[in-house]
Amino acid sequence: MTRVVVFSPKAISDIAELLDYLLPRAGERTTRRFIDDLVDYCEGFALFPERGTSREDVASGLRVVGYRRRASSAFLVEDQTVTIIRIFYAGRAVRLEPG
């Protein structure tokens, strides 16, 4: 079963902040490739959403998975959709809040 992958406004903001953070450190080519690959990885949850660690203790359907040991995605798996809730980078302290 293929699900639709959507990015929450906070996840989109996380990606934009990550772009701003990485650009001066890694250069445009490397940063854009990393961001594009991260988004592609998240979009792959459409086919195989049961990845990473279940965090049912926090919220029903919540899962967290790492990407290249530098980023983590928190996402909700529902019947027809996978919602990317947040993207965390390199251990930066960010609180996972509803919405």
PDB file of N, CA and C in Angstrom:
ATOM      1  N   MET A   1       0.838  -1.174   0.000  1.00  0.00           N
ATOM      2  CA  MET A   1       0.000   0.000   0.000  1.00  0.00           C
ATOM      3  C   MET A   1       0.887   1.243   0.000  1.00  0.00           C
ATOM      4  N   THR A   2       0.667   2.100  -0.937  1.00  0.00           N
ATOM      5  CA  THR A   2       1.401   3.349  -1.024  1.00  0.00           C
ATOM      6  C   THR A   2       0.641   4.440  -0.300  1.00  0.00           C
ATOM      7  N   ARG A   3       1.347   5.167   0.555  1.00  0.00           N
ATOM      8  CA  ARG A   3       0.758   6.285   1.285  1.00  0.00           C
ATOM      9  C   ARG A   3       1.255   7.597   0.683  1.00  0.00           C
ATOM     10  N   VAL A   4       0.581   8.677   1.000  1.00  0.00           N
ATOM     11  CA  VAL A   4       1.003  10.006   0.595  1.00  0.00           C
ATOM     12  C   VAL A   4       1.904  10.553   1.696  1.00  0.00           C
ATOM     13  N   VAL A   5       3.039  11.113   1.329  1.00  0.00           N
ATOM     14  CA  VAL A   5       3.941  11.723   2.291  1.00  0.00           C
ATOM     15  C   VAL A   5       3.732  13.234   2.251  1.00  0.00           C
ATOM     16  N   VAL A   6       3.478  13.814   3.425  1.00  0.00           N
ATOM     17  CA  VAL A   6       3.331  15.265   3.528  1.00  0.00           C
ATOM     18  C   VAL A   6       4.294  15.775   4.606  1.00  0.00           C
ATOM     19  N   PHE A   7       4.758  16.983   4.434  1.00  0.00           N
ATOM     20  CA  PHE A   7       5.650  17.629   5.378  1.00  0.00           C
ATOM     21  C   PHE A   7       4.868  18.692   6.144  1.00  0.00           C
ATOM     22  N   SER A   8       4.921  18.624   7.470  1.00  0.00           N
ATOM     23  CA  SER A   8       4.243  19.627   8.292  1.00  0.00           C
ATOM     24  C   SER A   8       4.942  20.972   8.099  1.00  0.00           C
ATOM     25  N   PRO A   9       4.249  22.065   8.443  1.00  0.00           N
ATOM     26  CA  PRO A   9       4.906  23.372   8.369  1.00  0.00           C
ATOM     27  C   PRO A   9       6.191  23.430   9.204  1.00  0.00           C
ATOM     28  N   LYS A  10       6.211  22.773  10.357  1.00  0.00           N
ATOM     29  CA  LYS A  10       7.420  22.768  11.189  1.00  0.00           C
ATOM     30  C   LYS A  10       8.547  22.000  10.514  1.00  0.00           C
ATOM     31  N   ALA A  11       8.229  20.908   9.829  1.00  0.00           N
ATOM     32  CA  ALA A  11       9.260  20.152   9.110  1.00  0.00           C
ATOM     33  C   ALA A  11       9.826  20.981   7.963  1.00  0.00           C
ATOM     34  N   ILE A  12       8.971  21.704   7.274  1.00  0.00           N
ATOM     35  CA  ILE A  12       9.430  22.577   6.189  1.00  0.00           C
ATOM     36  C   ILE A  12      10.340  23.663   6.757  1.00  0.00           C
ATOM     37  N   SER A  13       9.958  24.206   7.893  1.00  0.00           N
ATOM     38  CA  SER A  13      10.792  25.211   8.566  1.00  0.00           C
ATOM     39  C   SER A  13      12.130  24.611   8.994  1.00  0.00           C
ATOM     40  N   ASP A  14      12.102  23.381   9.504  1.00  0.00           N
ATOM     41  CA  ASP A  14      13.342  22.695   9.888  1.00  0.00           C
ATOM     42  C   ASP A  14      14.274  22.544   8.693  1.00  0.00           C
ATOM     43  N   ILE A  15      13.722  22.204   7.542  1.00  0.00           N
ATOM     44  CA  ILE A  15      14.533  22.035   6.330  1.00  0.00           C
ATOM     45  C   ILE A  15      15.134  23.376   5.914  1.00  0.00           C
ATOM     46  N   ALA A  16      14.333  24.432   5.985  1.00  0.00           N
ATOM     47  CA  ALA A  16      14.840  25.769   5.629  1.00  0.00           C
ATOM     48  C   ALA A  16      15.956  26.199   6.586  1.00  0.00           C
ATOM     49  N   GLU A  17      15.780  25.937   7.875  1.00  0.00           N
ATOM     50  CA  GLU A  17      16.818  26.272   8.856  1.00  0.00           C
ATOM     51  C   GLU A  17      18.078  25.447   8.627  1.00  0.00           C
ATOM     52  N   LEU A  18      17.899  24.194   8.276  1.00  0.00           N
ATOM     53  CA  LEU A  18      19.037  23.323   7.992  1.00  0.00           C
ATOM     54  C   LEU A  18      19.802  23.839   6.770  1.00  0.00           C
ATOM     55  N   LEU A  19      19.080  24.263   5.773  1.00  0.00           N
ATOM     56  CA  LEU A  19      19.696  24.841   4.579  1.00  0.00           C
ATOM     57  C   LEU A  19      20.534  26.058   4.961  1.00  0.00           C
ATOM     58  N   ASP A  20      19.959  26.967   5.749  1.00  0.00           N
ATOM     59  CA  ASP A  20      20.685  28.163   6.190  1.00  0.00           C
ATOM     60  C   ASP A  20      21.906  27.806   7.038  1.00  0.00           C
ATOM     61  N   TYR A  21      21.778  26.782   7.866  1.00  0.00           N
ATOM     62  CA  TYR A  21      22.880  26.352   8.737  1.00  0.00           C
ATOM     63  C   TYR A  21      24.026  25.738   7.932  1.00  0.00           C
ATOM     64  N   LEU A  22      23.683  24.899   6.957  1.00  0.00           N
ATOM     65  CA  LEU A  22      24.713  24.165   6.218  1.00  0.00           C
ATOM     66  C   LEU A  22      25.397  24.978   5.125  1.00  0.00           C
ATOM     67  N   LEU A  23      24.683  25.896   4.485  1.00  0.00           N
ATOM     68  CA  LEU A  23      25.253  26.620   3.343  1.00  0.00           C
ATOM     69  C   LEU A  23      26.625  27.221   3.621  1.00  0.00           C
ATOM     70  N   PRO A  24      26.807  28.002   4.682  1.00  0.00           N
ATOM     71  CA  PRO A  24      28.137  28.589   4.897  1.00  0.00           C
ATOM     72  C   PRO A  24      29.182  27.568   5.350  1.00  0.00           C
ATOM     73  N   ARG A  25      28.742  26.427   5.830  1.00  0.00           N
ATOM     74  CA  ARG A  25      29.668  25.425   6.341  1.00  0.00           C
ATOM     75  C   ARG A  25      30.078  24.399   5.287  1.00  0.00           C
ATOM     76  N   ALA A  26      29.156  24.053   4.404  1.00  0.00           N
ATOM     77  CA  ALA A  26      29.414  22.964   3.456  1.00  0.00           C
ATOM     78  C   ALA A  26      29.402  23.403   1.997  1.00  0.00           C
ATOM     79  N   GLY A  27      28.958  24.622   1.723  1.00  0.00           N
ATOM     80  CA  GLY A  27      28.862  25.078   0.345  1.00  0.00           C
ATOM     81  C   GLY A  27      27.525  24.699  -0.276  1.00  0.00           C
ATOM     82  N   GLU A  28      27.213  25.377  -1.349  1.00  0.00           N
ATOM     83  CA  GLU A  28      25.893  25.203  -1.958  1.00  0.00           C
ATOM     84  C   GLU A  28      25.678  23.818  -2.545  1.00  0.00           C
ATOM     85  N   ARG A  29      26.624  23.306  -3.298  1.00  0.00           N
ATOM     86  CA  ARG A  29      26.448  22.013  -3.957  1.00  0.00           C
ATOM     87  C   ARG A  29      26.221  20.895  -2.935  1.00  0.00           C
ATOM     88  N   THR A  30      27.069  20.812  -1.927  1.00  0.00           N
ATOM     89  CA  THR A  30      26.964  19.767  -0.908  1.00  0.00           C
ATOM     90  C   THR A  30      25.676  19.913  -0.109  1.00  0.00           C
ATOM     91  N   THR A  31      25.351  21.148   0.261  1.00  0.00           N
ATOM     92  CA  THR A  31      24.140  21.397   1.040  1.00  0.00           C
ATOM     93  C   THR A  31      22.899  21.002   0.269  1.00  0.00           C
ATOM     94  N   ARG A  32      22.797  21.435  -0.958  1.00  0.00           N
ATOM     95  CA  ARG A  32      21.604  21.120  -1.765  1.00  0.00           C
ATOM     96  C   ARG A  32      21.480  19.617  -1.996  1.00  0.00           C
ATOM     97  N   ARG A  33      22.594  18.956  -2.233  1.00  0.00           N
ATOM     98  CA  ARG A  33      22.552  17.503  -2.427  1.00  0.00           C
ATOM     99  C   ARG A  33      22.083  16.809  -1.150  1.00  0.00           C
ATOM    100  N   PHE A  34      22.598  17.240  -0.002  1.00  0.00           N
ATOM    101  CA  PHE A  34      22.186  16.647   1.269  1.00  0.00           C
ATOM    102  C   PHE A  34      20.691  16.870   1.507  1.00  0.00           C
ATOM    103  N   ILE A  35      20.216  18.084   1.313  1.00  0.00           N
ATOM    104  CA  ILE A  35      18.794  18.404   1.526  1.00  0.00           C
ATOM    105  C   ILE A  35      17.927  17.607   0.558  1.00  0.00           C
ATOM    106  N   ASP A  36      18.299  17.584  -0.715  1.00  0.00           N
ATOM    107  CA  ASP A  36      17.521  16.837  -1.711  1.00  0.00           C
ATOM    108  C   ASP A  36      17.467  15.352  -1.361  1.00  0.00           C
ATOM    109  N   ASP A  37      18.597  14.793  -0.961  1.00  0.00           N
ATOM    110  CA  ASP A  37      18.633  13.374  -0.603  1.00  0.00           C
ATOM    111  C   ASP A  37      17.815  13.097   0.656  1.00  0.00           C
ATOM    112  N   LEU A  38      17.853  14.006   1.624  1.00  0.00           N
ATOM    113  CA  LEU A  38      17.065  13.854   2.847  1.00  0.00           C
ATOM    114  C   LEU A  38      15.565  13.874   2.531  1.00  0.00           C
ATOM    115  N   VAL A  39      15.150  14.809   1.700  1.00  0.00           N
ATOM    116  CA  VAL A  39      13.731  14.885   1.313  1.00  0.00           C
ATOM    117  C   VAL A  39      13.333  13.627   0.540  1.00  0.00           C
ATOM    118  N   ASP A  40      14.178  13.175  -0.382  1.00  0.00           N
ATOM    119  CA  ASP A  40      13.888  11.939  -1.127  1.00  0.00           C
ATOM    120  C   ASP A  40      13.756  10.749  -0.180  1.00  0.00           C
ATOM    121  N   TYR A  41      14.630  10.683   0.806  1.00  0.00           N
ATOM    122  CA  TYR A  41      14.576   9.600   1.796  1.00  0.00           C
ATOM    123  C   TYR A  41      13.225   9.621   2.521  1.00  0.00           C
ATOM    124  N   CYS A  42      12.817  10.801   2.959  1.00  0.00           N
ATOM    125  CA  CYS A  42      11.528  10.931   3.642  1.00  0.00           C
ATOM    126  C   CYS A  42      10.366  10.557   2.722  1.00  0.00           C
ATOM    127  N   GLU A  43      10.442  10.946   1.483  1.00  0.00           N
ATOM    128  CA  GLU A  43       9.376  10.611   0.534  1.00  0.00           C
ATOM    129  C   GLU A  43       9.311   9.103   0.299  1.00  0.00           C
ATOM    130  N   GLY A  44      10.402   8.387   0.539  1.00  0.00           N
ATOM    131  CA  GLY A  44      10.421   6.933   0.424  1.00  0.00           C
ATOM    132  C   GLY A  44       9.556   6.242   1.470  1.00  0.00           C
ATOM    133  N   PHE A  45       9.135   6.962   2.503  1.00  0.00           N
ATOM    134  CA  PHE A  45       8.237   6.394   3.505  1.00  0.00           C
ATOM    135  C   PHE A  45       6.871   6.075   2.909  1.00  0.00           C
ATOM    136  N   ALA A  46       6.595   6.575   1.725  1.00  0.00           N
ATOM    137  CA  ALA A  46       5.324   6.272   1.058  1.00  0.00           C
ATOM    138  C   ALA A  46       5.185   4.768   0.845  1.00  0.00           C
ATOM    139  N   LEU A  47       6.276   4.101   0.519  1.00  0.00           N
ATOM    140  CA  LEU A  47       6.240   2.666   0.268  1.00  0.00           C
ATOM    141  C   LEU A  47       6.579   1.838   1.498  1.00  0.00           C
ATOM    142  N   PHE A  48       7.526   2.315   2.297  1.00  0.00           N
ATOM    143  CA  PHE A  48       7.979   1.561   3.463  1.00  0.00           C
ATOM    144  C   PHE A  48       8.031   2.458   4.698  1.00  0.00           C
ATOM    145  N   PRO A  49       6.880   2.749   5.299  1.00  0.00           N
ATOM    146  CA  PRO A  49       6.852   3.685   6.422  1.00  0.00           C
ATOM    147  C   PRO A  49       7.246   3.080   7.769  1.00  0.00           C
ATOM    148  N   GLU A  50       7.281   1.775   7.867  1.00  0.00           N
ATOM    149  CA  GLU A  50       7.539   1.145   9.163  1.00  0.00           C
ATOM    150  C   GLU A  50       9.037   1.044   9.438  1.00  0.00           C
ATOM    151  N   ARG A  51       9.725   2.162   9.343  1.00  0.00           N
ATOM    152  CA  ARG A  51      11.166   2.219   9.589  1.00  0.00           C
ATOM    153  C   ARG A  51      11.434   2.865  10.944  1.00  0.00           C
ATOM    154  N   GLY A  52      12.655   2.779  11.358  1.00  0.00           N
ATOM    155  CA  GLY A  52      13.067   3.487  12.555  1.00  0.00           C
ATOM    156  C   GLY A  52      12.481   2.909  13.821  1.00  0.00           C
ATOM    157  N   THR A  53      12.378   3.758  14.813  1.00  0.00           N
ATOM    158  CA  THR A  53      11.930   3.363  16.136  1.00  0.00           C
ATOM    159  C   THR A  53      10.517   3.856  16.388  1.00  0.00           C
ATOM    160  N   SER A  54       9.657   2.954  16.811  1.00  0.00           N
ATOM    161  CA  SER A  54       8.299   3.342  17.181  1.00  0.00           C
ATOM    162  C   SER A  54       8.355   4.155  18.462  1.00  0.00           C
ATOM    163  N   ARG A  55       7.617   5.260  18.490  1.00  0.00           N
ATOM    164  CA  ARG A  55       7.519   6.088  19.688  1.00  0.00           C
ATOM    165  C   ARG A  55       6.058   6.218  20.112  1.00  0.00           C
ATOM    166  N   GLU A  56       5.400   5.074  20.156  1.00  0.00           N
ATOM    167  CA  GLU A  56       4.000   5.022  20.597  1.00  0.00           C
ATOM    168  C   GLU A  56       3.836   5.596  22.005  1.00  0.00           C
ATOM    169  N   ASP A  57       4.917   5.592  22.790  1.00  0.00           N
ATOM    170  CA  ASP A  57       4.865   6.154  24.139  1.00  0.00           C
ATOM    171  C   ASP A  57       4.671   7.672  24.115  1.00  0.00           C
ATOM    172  N   VAL A  58       5.002   8.296  22.995  1.00  0.00           N
ATOM    173  CA  VAL A  58       4.857   9.746  22.849  1.00  0.00           C
ATOM    174  C   VAL A  58       3.550  10.090  22.133  1.00  0.00           C
ATOM    175  N   ALA A  59       3.281   9.397  21.021  1.00  0.00           N
ATOM    176  CA  ALA A  59       2.055   9.641  20.247  1.00  0.00           C
ATOM    177  C   ALA A  59       1.767   8.419  19.387  1.00  0.00           C
ATOM    178  N   SER A  60       0.502   8.140  19.195  1.00  0.00           N
ATOM    179  CA  SER A  60       0.079   7.014  18.376  1.00  0.00           C
ATOM    180  C   SER A  60       0.580   7.171  16.940  1.00  0.00           C
ATOM    181  N   GLY A  61       1.274   6.156  16.444  1.00  0.00           N
ATOM    182  CA  GLY A  61       1.772   6.171  15.075  1.00  0.00           C
ATOM    183  C   GLY A  61       3.088   6.894  14.878  1.00  0.00           C
ATOM    184  N   LEU A  62       3.653   7.457  15.938  1.00  0.00           N
ATOM    185  CA  LEU A  62       4.892   8.224  15.811  1.00  0.00           C
ATOM    186  C   LEU A  62       6.092   7.292  15.678  1.00  0.00           C
ATOM    187  N   ARG A  63       6.973   7.646  14.733  1.00  0.00           N
ATOM    188  CA  ARG A  63       8.214   6.903  14.532  1.00  0.00           C
ATOM    189  C   ARG A  63       9.336   7.919  14.342  1.00  0.00           C
ATOM    190  N   VAL A  64      10.556   7.502  14.672  1.00  0.00           N
ATOM    191  CA  VAL A  64      11.735   8.338  14.477  1.00  0.00           C
ATOM    192  C   VAL A  64      12.791   7.487  13.789  1.00  0.00           C
ATOM    193  N   VAL A  65      13.418   8.064  12.767  1.00  0.00           N
ATOM    194  CA  VAL A  65      14.453   7.342  12.030  1.00  0.00           C
ATOM    195  C   VAL A  65      15.601   8.295  11.725  1.00  0.00           C
ATOM    196  N   GLY A  66      16.816   7.758  11.780  1.00  0.00           N
ATOM    197  CA  GLY A  66      17.994   8.555  11.462  1.00  0.00           C
ATOM    198  C   GLY A  66      18.297   8.534   9.976  1.00  0.00           C
ATOM    199  N   TYR A  67      19.030   9.557   9.558  1.00  0.00           N
ATOM    200  CA  TYR A  67      19.463   9.657   8.168  1.00  0.00           C
ATOM    201  C   TYR A  67      20.948  10.020   8.152  1.00  0.00           C
ATOM    202  N   ARG A  68      21.766   9.156   7.615  1.00  0.00           N
ATOM    203  CA  ARG A  68      23.212   9.350   7.463  1.00  0.00           C
ATOM    204  C   ARG A  68      23.901   9.757   8.768  1.00  0.00           C
ATOM    205  N   ARG A  69      23.363   9.341   9.875  1.00  0.00           N
ATOM    206  CA  ARG A  69      23.929   9.620  11.188  1.00  0.00           C
ATOM    207  C   ARG A  69      24.101  11.107  11.462  1.00  0.00           C
ATOM    208  N   ARG A  70      23.380  11.955  10.709  1.00  0.00           N
ATOM    209  CA  ARG A  70      23.466  13.403  10.883  1.00  0.00           C
ATOM    210  C   ARG A  70      22.096  14.034  11.116  1.00  0.00           C
ATOM    211  N   ALA A  71      21.040  13.385  10.695  1.00  0.00           N
ATOM    212  CA  ALA A  71      19.703  13.958  10.831  1.00  0.00           C
ATOM    213  C   ALA A  71      18.742  12.866  11.276  1.00  0.00           C
ATOM    214  N   SER A  72      17.659  13.286  11.894  1.00  0.00           N
ATOM    215  CA  SER A  72      16.582  12.367  12.275  1.00  0.00           C
ATOM    216  C   SER A  72      15.257  12.963  11.854  1.00  0.00           C
ATOM    217  N   SER A  73      14.368  12.094  11.427  1.00  0.00           N
ATOM    218  CA  SER A  73      13.019  12.512  11.053  1.00  0.00           C
ATOM    219  C   SER A  73      12.024  11.905  12.026  1.00  0.00           C
ATOM    220  N   ALA A  74      11.127  12.730  12.511  1.00  0.00           N
ATOM    221  CA  ALA A  74      10.012  12.263  13.333  1.00  0.00           C
ATOM    222  C   ALA A  74       8.780  12.334  12.444  1.00  0.00           C
ATOM    223  N   PHE A  75       8.040  11.206  12.367  1.00  0.00           N
ATOM    224  CA  PHE A  75       6.901  11.174  11.449  1.00  0.00           C
ATOM    225  C   PHE A  75       5.779  10.325  12.015  1.00  0.00           C
ATOM    226  N   LEU A  76       4.577  10.625  11.543  1.00  0.00           N
ATOM    227  CA  LEU A  76       3.387   9.881  11.934  1.00  0.00           C
ATOM    228  C   LEU A  76       2.933   9.016  10.778  1.00  0.00           C
ATOM    229  N   VAL A  77       2.678   7.749  11.054  1.00  0.00           N
ATOM    230  CA  VAL A  77       2.165   6.832  10.042  1.00  0.00           C
ATOM    231  C   VAL A  77       0.672   6.653  10.305  1.00  0.00           C
ATOM    232  N   GLU A  78      -0.125   7.019   9.329  1.00  0.00           N
ATOM    233  CA  GLU A  78      -1.570   6.871   9.419  1.00  0.00           C
ATOM    234  C   GLU A  78      -2.040   6.010   8.259  1.00  0.00           C
ATOM    235  N   ASP A  79      -3.330   5.756   8.163  1.00  0.00           N
ATOM    236  CA  ASP A  79      -3.865   4.848   7.141  1.00  0.00           C
ATOM    237  C   ASP A  79      -3.423   5.207   5.724  1.00  0.00           C
ATOM    238  N   GLN A  80      -3.615   6.451   5.335  1.00  0.00           N
ATOM    239  CA  GLN A  80      -3.343   6.869   3.961  1.00  0.00           C
ATOM    240  C   GLN A  80      -2.144   7.794   3.829  1.00  0.00           C
ATOM    241  N   THR A  81      -1.635   8.309   4.950  1.00  0.00           N
ATOM    242  CA  THR A  81      -0.573   9.305   4.881  1.00  0.00           C
ATOM    243  C   THR A  81       0.574   9.014   5.844  1.00  0.00           C
ATOM    244  N   VAL A  82       1.701   9.568   5.504  1.00  0.00           N
ATOM    245  CA  VAL A  82       2.849   9.657   6.401  1.00  0.00           C
ATOM    246  C   VAL A  82       3.141  11.150   6.509  1.00  0.00           C
ATOM    247  N   THR A  83       3.062  11.672   7.717  1.00  0.00           N
ATOM    248  CA  THR A  83       3.310  13.090   7.926  1.00  0.00           C
ATOM    249  C   THR A  83       4.663  13.269   8.600  1.00  0.00           C
ATOM    250  N   ILE A  84       5.556  13.954   7.910  1.00  0.00           N
ATOM    251  CA  ILE A  84       6.855  14.272   8.492  1.00  0.00           C
ATOM    252  C   ILE A  84       6.601  15.441   9.447  1.00  0.00           C
ATOM    253  N   ILE A  85       6.790  15.182  10.742  1.00  0.00           N
ATOM    254  CA  ILE A  85       6.490  16.169  11.771  1.00  0.00           C
ATOM    255  C   ILE A  85       7.653  17.139  11.959  1.00  0.00           C
ATOM    256  N   ARG A  86       8.855  16.590  12.119  1.00  0.00           N
ATOM    257  CA  ARG A  86      10.038  17.418  12.353  1.00  0.00           C
ATOM    258  C   ARG A  86      11.258  16.743  11.741  1.00  0.00           C
ATOM    259  N   ILE A  87      12.268  17.562  11.452  1.00  0.00           N
ATOM    260  CA  ILE A  87      13.573  17.095  11.008  1.00  0.00           C
ATOM    261  C   ILE A  87      14.583  17.683  12.004  1.00  0.00           C
ATOM    262  N   PHE A  88      15.368  16.816  12.639  1.00  0.00           N
ATOM    263  CA  PHE A  88      16.366  17.253  13.605  1.00  0.00           C
ATOM    264  C   PHE A  88      17.741  17.013  13.007  1.00  0.00           C
ATOM    265  N   TYR A  89      18.665  17.958  13.196  1.00  0.00           N
ATOM    266  CA  TYR A  89      19.986  17.820  12.606  1.00  0.00           C
ATOM    267  C   TYR A  89      21.083  17.790  13.667  1.00  0.00           C
ATOM    268  N   ALA A  90      21.946  16.795  13.581  1.00  0.00           N
ATOM    269  CA  ALA A  90      23.185  16.695  14.350  1.00  0.00           C
ATOM    270  C   ALA A  90      23.014  16.972  15.834  1.00  0.00           C
ATOM    271  N   GLY A  91      21.973  16.424  16.398  1.00  0.00           N
ATOM    272  CA  GLY A  91      21.794  16.542  17.831  1.00  0.00           C
ATOM    273  C   GLY A  91      21.362  17.903  18.326  1.00  0.00           C
ATOM    274  N   ARG A  92      20.964  18.789  17.421  1.00  0.00           N
ATOM    275  CA  ARG A  92      20.496  20.101  17.867  1.00  0.00           C
ATOM    276  C   ARG A  92      19.271  19.903  18.745  1.00  0.00           C
ATOM    277  N   ALA A  93      19.215  20.610  19.841  1.00  0.00           N
ATOM    278  CA  ALA A  93      18.129  20.469  20.803  1.00  0.00           C
ATOM    279  C   ALA A  93      16.869  21.148  20.278  1.00  0.00           C
ATOM    280  N   VAL A  94      15.878  20.331  19.937  1.00  0.00           N
ATOM    281  CA  VAL A  94      14.596  20.833  19.474  1.00  0.00           C
ATOM    282  C   VAL A  94      13.523  20.001  20.160  1.00  0.00           C
ATOM    283  N   ARG A  95      12.489  20.659  20.661  1.00  0.00           N
ATOM    284  CA  ARG A  95      11.416  19.924  21.313  1.00  0.00           C
ATOM    285  C   ARG A  95      10.362  19.508  20.301  1.00  0.00           C
ATOM    286  N   LEU A  96       9.899  18.281  20.428  1.00  0.00           N
ATOM    287  CA  LEU A  96       8.834  17.754  19.588  1.00  0.00           C
ATOM    288  C   LEU A  96       7.503  18.150  20.209  1.00  0.00           C
ATOM    289  N   GLU A  97       6.795  19.028  19.533  1.00  0.00           N
ATOM    290  CA  GLU A  97       5.509  19.494  20.026  1.00  0.00           C
ATOM    291  C   GLU A  97       4.430  19.151  19.016  1.00  0.00           C
ATOM    292  N   PRO A  98       3.200  18.945  19.479  1.00  0.00           N
ATOM    293  CA  PRO A  98       2.104  18.640  18.560  1.00  0.00           C
ATOM    294  C   PRO A  98       1.873  19.775  17.579  1.00  0.00           C
ATOM    295  N   GLY A  99       1.368  19.405  16.385  1.00  0.00           N
ATOM    296  CA  GLY A  99       0.978  20.414  15.409  1.00  0.00           C
ATOM    297  C   GLY A  99       2.083  20.730  14.519  1.00  0.00           C
TER     298      GLY A  99
END
